[in-house]
Amino acid sequence: MAEPLRPASTPVFKRRNWLWIPAIASATLAPTLAEATAASALDITRIIFASSGEPTQATNRVQAERRAGDDKAYERIGITNVTGGDMLYAMNSQGATGSDGTKWFEKIPTGTTGFIADRRGIVRATNVAAGQFVHVYPVEFGPSFPALAGADETAEDAMTVTFAITGEPAIKVAILA
């Protein structure tokens, strides 16, 4: 028998970007390059802290109802919950409107909807380009609230915001030209 397939690993350390894309026209959630790089879009990779919650999925395994003559019961796949999390992001409470320290706060007032795209396996400073793949999550944001990242000597001005996944994610979709 031939040697089993072993895919090469795809490192993501310093090779991952989180992108805010306010609008995607495609029903498949494949963003165009223009949507992913629009003036209203924002690369939030170095604004959010590593401790921020990421989208997750949990699928229930349920036990099938045993019938009278059965001596075994098996499982079925139940409901899948796709959830957001709490994002902790850098903020400059003294920053001028439109400055780097306030941009993310200004783009996500309470109730803001849009998309977060997770681009993996490409060096962080590489420009977004057509043909790159992303995982896209439709989201809605709650209210931001003042917080601190770190404590004592490491404390930084920050905000925390809860985000919810509001629809079916699009996994590994190409950015369109």
C-alpha atoms as a PDB file:
ATOM      1  CA  MET A   1       0.000   0.000   0.000  1.00  0.00           C
ATOM      2  CA  ALA A   2       1.215   3.531  -0.762  1.00  0.00           C
ATOM      3  CA  GLU A   3       2.295   5.851   2.030  1.00  0.00           C
ATOM      4  CA  PRO A   4      -0.734   7.735   3.464  1.00  0.00           C
ATOM      5  CA  LEU A   5      -1.253  11.357   2.483  1.00  0.00           C
ATOM      6  CA  ARG A   6       0.266  13.892   4.895  1.00  0.00           C
ATOM      7  CA  PRO A   7      -0.483  17.514   4.003  1.00  0.00           C
ATOM      8  CA  ALA A   8       2.213  20.038   4.843  1.00  0.00           C
ATOM      9  CA  SER A   9       1.353  22.277   7.790  1.00  0.00           C
ATOM     10  CA  THR A  10       0.198  25.836   7.100  1.00  0.00           C
ATOM     11  CA  PRO A  11       1.663  28.110   9.780  1.00  0.00           C
ATOM     12  CA  VAL A  12      -0.517  31.043  10.827  1.00  0.00           C
ATOM     13  CA  PHE A  13       1.803  32.840  13.260  1.00  0.00           C
ATOM     14  CA  LYS A  14       2.340  36.264  11.608  1.00  0.00           C
ATOM     15  CA  ARG A  15       0.387  34.837   8.649  1.00  0.00           C
ATOM     16  CA  ARG A  16      -3.158  35.786   9.529  1.00  0.00           C
ATOM     17  CA  ASN A  17      -5.350  38.827   8.949  1.00  0.00           C
ATOM     18  CA  TRP A  18      -8.774  39.731  10.289  1.00  0.00           C
ATOM     19  CA  LEU A  19     -10.588  41.985   7.840  1.00  0.00           C
ATOM     20  CA  TRP A  20     -13.735  44.059   8.424  1.00  0.00           C
ATOM     21  CA  ILE A  21     -15.814  44.187   5.244  1.00  0.00           C
ATOM     22  CA  PRO A  22     -19.003  46.249   5.680  1.00  0.00           C
ATOM     23  CA  ALA A  23     -20.814  44.891   2.612  1.00  0.00           C
ATOM     24  CA  ILE A  24     -20.541  41.862   0.335  1.00  0.00           C
ATOM     25  CA  ALA A  25     -22.894  41.665  -2.647  1.00  0.00           C
ATOM     26  CA  SER A  26     -22.320  37.974  -3.509  1.00  0.00           C
ATOM     27  CA  ALA A  27     -24.854  35.454  -2.197  1.00  0.00           C
ATOM     28  CA  THR A  28     -21.922  33.068  -1.643  1.00  0.00           C
ATOM     29  CA  LEU A  29     -20.228  35.721   0.567  1.00  0.00           C
ATOM     30  CA  ALA A  30     -17.178  35.767  -1.716  1.00  0.00           C
ATOM     31  CA  PRO A  31     -15.971  39.366  -1.378  1.00  0.00           C
ATOM     32  CA  THR A  32     -14.645  41.253  -4.352  1.00  0.00           C
ATOM     33  CA  LEU A  33     -11.248  42.900  -4.103  1.00  0.00           C
ATOM     34  CA  ALA A  34     -13.022  46.272  -4.196  1.00  0.00           C
ATOM     35  CA  GLU A  35     -15.240  45.280  -1.228  1.00  0.00           C
ATOM     36  CA  ALA A  36     -12.330  43.883   0.806  1.00  0.00           C
ATOM     37  CA  THR A  37     -10.179  46.974   0.275  1.00  0.00           C
ATOM     38  CA  ALA A  38     -12.843  49.706   0.232  1.00  0.00           C
ATOM     39  CA  ALA A  39     -12.312  52.856   2.291  1.00  0.00           C
ATOM     40  CA  SER A  40     -15.040  51.616   4.660  1.00  0.00           C
ATOM     41  CA  ALA A  41     -13.232  48.259   5.115  1.00  0.00           C
ATOM     42  CA  LEU A  42     -10.432  47.866   7.658  1.00  0.00           C
ATOM     43  CA  ASP A  43      -7.692  45.361   8.453  1.00  0.00           C
ATOM     44  CA  ILE A  44      -8.239  44.910  12.204  1.00  0.00           C
ATOM     45  CA  THR A  45      -5.433  42.364  12.716  1.00  0.00           C
ATOM     46  CA  ARG A  46      -3.258  44.643  14.821  1.00  0.00           C
ATOM     47  CA  ILE A  47      -6.146  46.489  16.468  1.00  0.00           C
ATOM     48  CA  ILE A  48      -7.747  43.489  18.161  1.00  0.00           C
ATOM     49  CA  PHE A  49      -5.913  41.733  20.955  1.00  0.00           C
ATOM     50  CA  ALA A  50      -4.928  38.066  20.665  1.00  0.00           C
ATOM     51  CA  SER A  51      -7.180  37.248  23.625  1.00  0.00           C
ATOM     52  CA  SER A  52     -10.280  38.234  21.628  1.00  0.00           C
ATOM     53  CA  GLY A  53     -12.921  35.590  21.098  1.00  0.00           C
ATOM     54  CA  GLU A  54     -13.142  34.037  17.664  1.00  0.00           C
ATOM     55  CA  PRO A  55     -16.117  32.517  15.879  1.00  0.00           C
ATOM     56  CA  THR A  56     -16.765  28.974  17.055  1.00  0.00           C
ATOM     57  CA  GLN A  57     -19.027  26.077  16.192  1.00  0.00           C
ATOM     58  CA  ALA A  58     -20.533  23.401  18.414  1.00  0.00           C
ATOM     59  CA  THR A  59     -22.636  20.559  17.047  1.00  0.00           C
ATOM     60  CA  ASN A  60     -24.859  18.494  19.303  1.00  0.00           C
ATOM     61  CA  ARG A  61     -24.591  14.732  19.136  1.00  0.00           C
ATOM     62  CA  VAL A  62     -27.952  13.361  20.153  1.00  0.00           C
ATOM     63  CA  GLN A  63     -28.925   9.821  20.963  1.00  0.00           C
ATOM     64  CA  ALA A  64     -31.575   8.381  18.673  1.00  0.00           C
ATOM     65  CA  GLU A  65     -34.708   7.144  20.422  1.00  0.00           C
ATOM     66  CA  ARG A  66     -34.348   3.421  21.106  1.00  0.00           C
ATOM     67  CA  ARG A  67     -37.121   1.259  19.723  1.00  0.00           C
ATOM     68  CA  ALA A  68     -38.697  -1.526  21.753  1.00  0.00           C
ATOM     69  CA  GLY A  69     -36.824  -4.333  20.003  1.00  0.00           C
ATOM     70  CA  ASP A  70     -33.456  -2.558  19.772  1.00  0.00           C
ATOM     71  CA  ASP A  71     -30.570  -3.607  21.985  1.00  0.00           C
ATOM     72  CA  LYS A  72     -28.358  -0.735  20.806  1.00  0.00           C
ATOM     73  CA  ALA A  73     -28.911   2.984  20.417  1.00  0.00           C
ATOM     74  CA  TYR A  74     -26.917   5.191  18.087  1.00  0.00           C
ATOM     75  CA  GLU A  75     -26.212   8.858  17.755  1.00  0.00           C
ATOM     76  CA  ARG A  76     -27.368  11.444  15.261  1.00  0.00           C
ATOM     77  CA  ILE A  77     -26.134  14.901  14.462  1.00  0.00           C
ATOM     78  CA  GLY A  78     -28.294  17.554  16.087  1.00  0.00           C
ATOM     79  CA  ILE A  79     -28.330  21.328  16.015  1.00  0.00           C
ATOM     80  CA  THR A  80     -25.154  23.223  15.181  1.00  0.00           C
ATOM     81  CA  ASN A  81     -24.593  26.534  16.955  1.00  0.00           C
ATOM     82  CA  VAL A  82     -22.248  29.028  15.331  1.00  0.00           C
ATOM     83  CA  THR A  83     -21.340  31.765  17.784  1.00  0.00           C
ATOM     84  CA  GLY A  84     -19.296  34.915  17.939  1.00  0.00           C
ATOM     85  CA  GLY A  85     -17.530  36.161  21.021  1.00  0.00           C
ATOM     86  CA  ASP A  86     -16.142  39.145  22.850  1.00  0.00           C
ATOM     87  CA  MET A  87     -13.601  41.228  20.994  1.00  0.00           C
ATOM     88  CA  LEU A  88     -11.052  43.278  22.913  1.00  0.00           C
ATOM     89  CA  TYR A  89      -9.563  46.029  20.793  1.00  0.00           C
ATOM     90  CA  ALA A  90      -7.083  48.875  21.157  1.00  0.00           C
ATOM     91  CA  MET A  91      -8.551  52.335  21.676  1.00  0.00           C
ATOM     92  CA  ASN A  92      -7.141  55.801  22.196  1.00  0.00           C
ATOM     93  CA  SER A  93      -9.757  57.595  24.266  1.00  0.00           C
ATOM     94  CA  GLN A  94      -7.888  60.867  23.667  1.00  0.00           C
ATOM     95  CA  GLY A  95      -7.412  60.236  19.937  1.00  0.00           C
ATOM     96  CA  ALA A  96      -8.787  62.573  17.308  1.00  0.00           C
ATOM     97  CA  THR A  97     -11.746  61.456  15.217  1.00  0.00           C
ATOM     98  CA  GLY A  98     -10.468  59.379  12.298  1.00  0.00           C
ATOM     99  CA  SER A  99      -7.088  58.670  13.909  1.00  0.00           C
ATOM    100  CA  ASP A 100      -5.669  55.138  13.956  1.00  0.00           C
ATOM    101  CA  GLY A 101      -6.560  54.788  17.651  1.00  0.00           C
ATOM    102  CA  THR A 102     -10.265  55.472  17.068  1.00  0.00           C
ATOM    103  CA  LYS A 103     -11.021  54.010  13.612  1.00  0.00           C
ATOM    104  CA  TRP A 104     -12.361  50.621  14.731  1.00  0.00           C
ATOM    105  CA  PHE A 105     -14.509  52.179  17.466  1.00  0.00           C
ATOM    106  CA  GLU A 106     -15.961  54.634  14.943  1.00  0.00           C
ATOM    107  CA  LYS A 107     -16.772  51.936  12.370  1.00  0.00           C
ATOM    108  CA  ILE A 108     -18.815  49.720  14.736  1.00  0.00           C
ATOM    109  CA  PRO A 109     -21.547  51.601  16.580  1.00  0.00           C
ATOM    110  CA  THR A 110     -24.089  49.384  18.355  1.00  0.00           C
ATOM    111  CA  GLY A 111     -26.071  47.266  15.896  1.00  0.00           C
ATOM    112  CA  THR A 112     -23.524  47.491  13.073  1.00  0.00           C
ATOM    113  CA  THR A 113     -23.757  44.545  10.697  1.00  0.00           C
ATOM    114  CA  GLY A 114     -21.245  43.382   8.127  1.00  0.00           C
ATOM    115  CA  PHE A 115     -18.626  40.697   7.679  1.00  0.00           C
ATOM    116  CA  ILE A 116     -15.392  39.610   9.310  1.00  0.00           C
ATOM    117  CA  ALA A 117     -13.022  37.733   7.029  1.00  0.00           C
ATOM    118  CA  ASP A 118     -10.213  35.531   8.341  1.00  0.00           C
ATOM    119  CA  ARG A 119      -7.307  35.267   5.878  1.00  0.00           C
ATOM    120  CA  ARG A 120      -4.800  32.586   6.874  1.00  0.00           C
ATOM    121  CA  GLY A 121      -1.444  31.335   5.639  1.00  0.00           C
ATOM    122  CA  ILE A 122      -0.353  34.613   4.001  1.00  0.00           C
ATOM    123  CA  VAL A 123       2.215  36.901   5.580  1.00  0.00           C
ATOM    124  CA  ARG A 124       0.311  39.546   7.549  1.00  0.00           C
ATOM    125  CA  ALA A 125       1.724  42.559   5.649  1.00  0.00           C
ATOM    126  CA  THR A 126       0.782  41.138   2.230  1.00  0.00           C
ATOM    127  CA  ASN A 127      -1.864  43.168   0.404  1.00  0.00           C
ATOM    128  CA  VAL A 128      -5.269  41.600  -0.048  1.00  0.00           C
ATOM    129  CA  ALA A 129      -5.509  40.244  -3.595  1.00  0.00           C
ATOM    130  CA  ALA A 130      -7.957  38.458  -5.841  1.00  0.00           C
ATOM    131  CA  GLY A 131      -7.555  34.681  -5.638  1.00  0.00           C
ATOM    132  CA  GLN A 132      -6.644  34.614  -1.940  1.00  0.00           C
ATOM    133  CA  PHE A 133      -8.997  32.553   0.218  1.00  0.00           C
ATOM    134  CA  VAL A 134     -10.858  33.737   3.311  1.00  0.00           C
ATOM    135  CA  HIS A 135     -13.387  32.432   5.796  1.00  0.00           C
ATOM    136  CA  VAL A 136     -16.246  34.945   5.963  1.00  0.00           C
ATOM    137  CA  TYR A 137     -18.578  35.421   8.939  1.00  0.00           C
ATOM    138  CA  PRO A 138     -21.690  37.621   8.823  1.00  0.00           C
ATOM    139  CA  VAL A 139     -21.742  39.539  12.121  1.00  0.00           C
ATOM    140  CA  GLU A 140     -23.620  42.050  14.219  1.00  0.00           C
ATOM    141  CA  PHE A 141     -21.932  44.083  16.953  1.00  0.00           C
ATOM    142  CA  GLY A 142     -23.327  45.069  20.318  1.00  0.00           C
ATOM    143  CA  PRO A 143     -22.244  48.180  22.194  1.00  0.00           C
ATOM    144  CA  SER A 144     -18.557  48.855  22.805  1.00  0.00           C
ATOM    145  CA  PHE A 145     -17.537  49.442  26.408  1.00  0.00           C
ATOM    146  CA  PRO A 146     -14.323  50.876  27.918  1.00  0.00           C
ATOM    147  CA  ALA A 147     -11.872  48.240  29.125  1.00  0.00           C
ATOM    148  CA  LEU A 148      -8.195  47.687  29.776  1.00  0.00           C
ATOM    149  CA  ALA A 149      -5.934  45.238  28.002  1.00  0.00           C
ATOM    150  CA  GLY A 150      -3.345  43.980  30.439  1.00  0.00           C
ATOM    151  CA  ALA A 151      -2.912  45.204  33.999  1.00  0.00           C
ATOM    152  CA  ASP A 152      -0.702  47.506  36.010  1.00  0.00           C
ATOM    153  CA  GLU A 153       2.437  48.321  34.018  1.00  0.00           C
ATOM    154  CA  THR A 154       1.169  46.583  30.877  1.00  0.00           C
ATOM    155  CA  ALA A 155      -2.308  48.162  30.894  1.00  0.00           C
ATOM    156  CA  GLU A 156      -3.473  49.720  27.628  1.00  0.00           C
ATOM    157  CA  ASP A 157      -6.588  51.683  26.771  1.00  0.00           C
ATOM    158  CA  ALA A 158      -9.055  49.324  25.109  1.00  0.00           C
ATOM    159  CA  MET A 159     -12.703  48.622  24.378  1.00  0.00           C
ATOM    160  CA  THR A 160     -14.651  45.405  24.491  1.00  0.00           C
ATOM    161  CA  VAL A 161     -17.524  44.546  22.169  1.00  0.00           C
ATOM    162  CA  THR A 162     -19.649  41.440  21.753  1.00  0.00           C
ATOM    163  CA  PHE A 163     -20.283  40.171  18.259  1.00  0.00           C
ATOM    164  CA  ALA A 164     -22.795  37.587  17.068  1.00  0.00           C
ATOM    165  CA  ILE A 165     -22.654  35.388  13.981  1.00  0.00           C
ATOM    166  CA  THR A 166     -25.909  36.194  12.180  1.00  0.00           C
ATOM    167  CA  GLY A 167     -25.901  33.755   9.264  1.00  0.00           C
ATOM    168  CA  GLU A 168     -24.171  30.871   7.563  1.00  0.00           C
ATOM    169  CA  PRO A 169     -20.395  31.425   7.341  1.00  0.00           C
ATOM    170  CA  ALA A 170     -18.646  30.972   4.015  1.00  0.00           C
ATOM    171  CA  ILE A 171     -15.614  28.761   4.494  1.00  0.00           C
ATOM    172  CA  LYS A 172     -12.649  29.036   2.089  1.00  0.00           C
ATOM    173  CA  VAL A 173     -14.093  31.392  -0.507  1.00  0.00           C
ATOM    174  CA  ALA A 174     -11.847  33.189  -2.964  1.00  0.00           C
ATOM    175  CA  ILE A 175     -11.607  36.945  -3.083  1.00  0.00           C
ATOM    176  CA  LEU A 176     -12.986  37.878  -6.489  1.00  0.00           C
ATOM    177  CA  ALA A 177     -11.394  40.322  -8.956  1.00  0.00           C
END
